[in-house]
Amino acid sequence: EITYFGSMLFTRCVSGTRVVPRGQAKTMGKHDFIGFGSSTENFGDPYLTGACAIGLREDEIDEFFARLDKAFKDFFAKRKKDDAKKKKAG
């Protein structure tokens, strides 16, 4: 689910964000990376990071948060709709 939220941010032009799922594993060559993208293998929860550049204007950060807020609202609305479908089907 959290990676879906990351794709929603991308398609809504919310740039500078990165969603890090819990326990993601990647193998590169002979090396396994558990918790890939996180600072530790044992981080307990997925998380979202946001980045900005020096010189960011107030209107730009306001737009960032407006888009982020809309993405959260859309995400939770879709999740609620999907849960209702599952409940009805099962």
Protein backbone atom coordinates (compact mmCIF):
# COMPACT_ATOMS: atom_id res chain seq x y z
CA GLU A 1 0.00 0.00 0.00
CA ILE A 2 2.74 2.47 0.87
CA THR A 3 4.42 2.11 -2.52
CA TYR A 4 1.05 2.82 -4.16
CA PHE A 5 0.96 6.08 -2.20
CA GLY A 6 4.42 6.87 -3.59
CA SER A 7 3.12 6.36 -7.13
CA MET A 8 0.18 8.64 -6.35
CA LEU A 9 2.59 11.38 -5.31
CA PHE A 10 4.56 10.95 -8.54
CA THR A 11 1.48 11.12 -10.77
CA ARG A 12 0.32 14.26 -8.93
CA CYS A 13 3.67 15.97 -9.58
CA VAL A 14 4.66 15.97 -5.91
CA SER A 15 8.40 16.05 -6.43
CA GLY A 16 11.18 15.61 -3.90
CA THR A 17 9.41 12.81 -2.03
CA ARG A 18 10.46 9.25 -1.40
CA VAL A 19 8.36 6.52 0.20
CA VAL A 20 10.36 3.89 2.06
CA PRO A 21 8.49 0.63 2.70
CA ARG A 22 9.27 -1.43 5.77
CA GLY A 23 11.70 -4.31 5.28
CA GLN A 24 12.25 -3.87 1.55
CA ALA A 25 15.03 -6.12 0.30
CA LYS A 26 17.24 -5.62 -2.74
CA THR A 27 20.16 -7.66 -4.06
CA MET A 28 22.94 -5.97 -5.97
CA GLY A 29 25.57 -8.32 -7.20
CA LYS A 30 26.41 -10.58 -4.28
CA HIS A 31 25.16 -8.15 -1.64
CA ASP A 32 21.75 -8.23 0.01
CA PHE A 33 20.32 -5.00 1.36
CA ILE A 34 17.52 -5.48 3.88
CA GLY A 35 15.60 -2.31 4.65
CA PHE A 36 16.73 -0.89 1.31
CA GLY A 37 16.30 2.86 1.17
CA SER A 38 16.18 3.14 4.94
CA SER A 39 19.04 3.95 7.27
CA THR A 40 18.71 0.61 9.06
CA GLU A 41 17.53 -2.96 8.53
CA ASN A 42 15.20 -2.77 11.51
CA PHE A 43 13.25 0.42 10.97
CA GLY A 44 9.81 -0.38 12.35
CA ASP A 45 7.50 1.59 10.08
CA PRO A 46 7.30 2.74 6.48
CA TYR A 47 7.93 6.45 6.07
CA LEU A 48 7.90 9.37 3.67
CA THR A 49 10.71 11.84 3.12
CA GLY A 50 10.50 15.19 1.42
CA ALA A 51 13.29 17.33 0.04
CA CYS A 52 13.50 20.92 -1.09
CA ALA A 53 16.14 23.28 -2.39
CA ILE A 54 17.59 26.35 -0.77
CA GLY A 55 15.61 29.30 -2.07
CA LEU A 56 12.25 27.57 -2.02
CA ARG A 57 9.54 30.21 -1.97
CA GLU A 58 6.58 30.21 0.41
CA ASP A 59 4.09 29.77 -2.46
CA GLU A 60 6.03 26.71 -3.63
CA ILE A 61 5.95 25.03 -0.21
CA ASP A 62 2.25 25.89 0.08
CA GLU A 63 1.66 24.17 -3.28
CA PHE A 64 3.70 21.15 -2.15
CA PHE A 65 1.56 20.73 0.98
CA ALA A 66 -1.67 21.25 -0.97
CA ARG A 67 -0.70 18.46 -3.38
CA LEU A 68 0.49 16.23 -0.53
CA ASP A 69 -2.78 16.78 1.33
CA LYS A 70 -4.82 15.95 -1.78
CA ALA A 71 -2.77 12.78 -2.33
CA PHE A 72 -3.44 11.67 1.26
CA LYS A 73 -7.18 12.34 0.86
CA ASP A 74 -7.28 10.43 -2.45
CA PHE A 75 -5.29 7.55 -0.95
CA PHE A 76 -7.57 7.14 2.06
CA ALA A 77 -10.71 7.49 -0.09
CA LYS A 78 -9.46 4.73 -2.40
CA ARG A 79 -8.53 2.54 0.55
CA LYS A 80 -11.99 3.01 2.06
CA LYS A 81 -13.61 2.14 -1.28
CA ASP A 82 -11.40 -0.97 -1.68
CA ASP A 83 -12.19 -2.09 1.88
CA ALA A 84 -15.93 -1.74 1.21
CA LYS A 85 -15.59 -3.85 -1.96
CA LYS A 86 -13.70 -6.55 -0.05
CA LYS A 87 -16.28 -6.57 2.73
CA LYS A 88 -19.13 -6.84 0.22
CA ALA A 89 -17.42 -9.65 -1.72
CA GLY A 90 -16.33 -11.65 1.30
